[in-house]
Amino acid sequence: MSARRVLVTAGASGIGLAIAEVFASRGDEVVICDVDQSALDDAAGRLNGIVAIQADVSDPVAVDSLIAKAGPVSVLINNAGIAGPVGGIETNAPDEWARCFAVNVHGAFHMIRAVVPAMRDSGGGTIVNISTASTVTGLPGRSAYVASKWALEGLTRTLARELGPDGIRVNAIRPGFMDTTRMRGIMERIAGENGLTVAEVEASALKYISMRTKIQPAEIGEMAWFFASDAAHHITGQIVGVDGNAEWEG
């Protein structure tokens, strides 16, 4: 498979960086974007040859500028997302709810809208959206986040039908309980709020995962790479969990 240009949003850290690393390690030309310039600089130092561009995907003007700098891409990974407000629905501030959708849903829309014309002209492409296992289980206190990811999955299935005749495949990944700095921070917060140790909180969460293990970021990268590979030539409109079988979230 010849080298392709791959664009990963929120690619400077966490899952996004892991995805970028997998594609770069296999010879693809990788472009990452992020709002955090410091993290972009660190990522560029870590991955030789990648192009790092600061951009906020919720801003359509910034997205147009990003694509003008990056050039046509064969693979788009919509990884950018924020947690949104935490707490009961009545405590969610409308502006926080709107911001969650602006990044998690509208950001993906802006990116897809910007890359599709060149993909169509080149005869096809691959789009992978990063969702969450919580769309299966639900997650009390995180209604904005889960609802936004449901919207992203709806976009995935609809665009798979819309863009299929153009040779553009659209799939999504549902990551589960991730072994990331962000998730460790969440575990620490929950532990502090409930007078528990981090180990106790993690053990409680893992009870609801059939394989009783956390997911490594590189595993999401491998699935994204598979979706973009020739082996997945006729796979589109699919939403795949990389979650050890999340049965429920306590």
Foldseek 3Di string as FASTA:
>chain_A
DDAWEEEFEVLLFDLNVLLQVLSVVVPHAYEYEYQDVVSQVVSCVVRPRHHYYYAQLLDLVRLLVVCVVSDAGQEYELEWFDQFFFAAPVPHDPVSLVVRLSRLPVSVVSNCVNRVVVQLVVQEHEYEYEAAPCLVAPDGRRVSRNVSSVNVLVVQLVVCVVCVVSQYAGEYEHEAQAPGPVSLVVLVVVCVVVVHDSVVSLQLFLVQAQVSDHDYSNVVSVVSVCCRDPVVSPDHSYYYYPHNHRRHGD
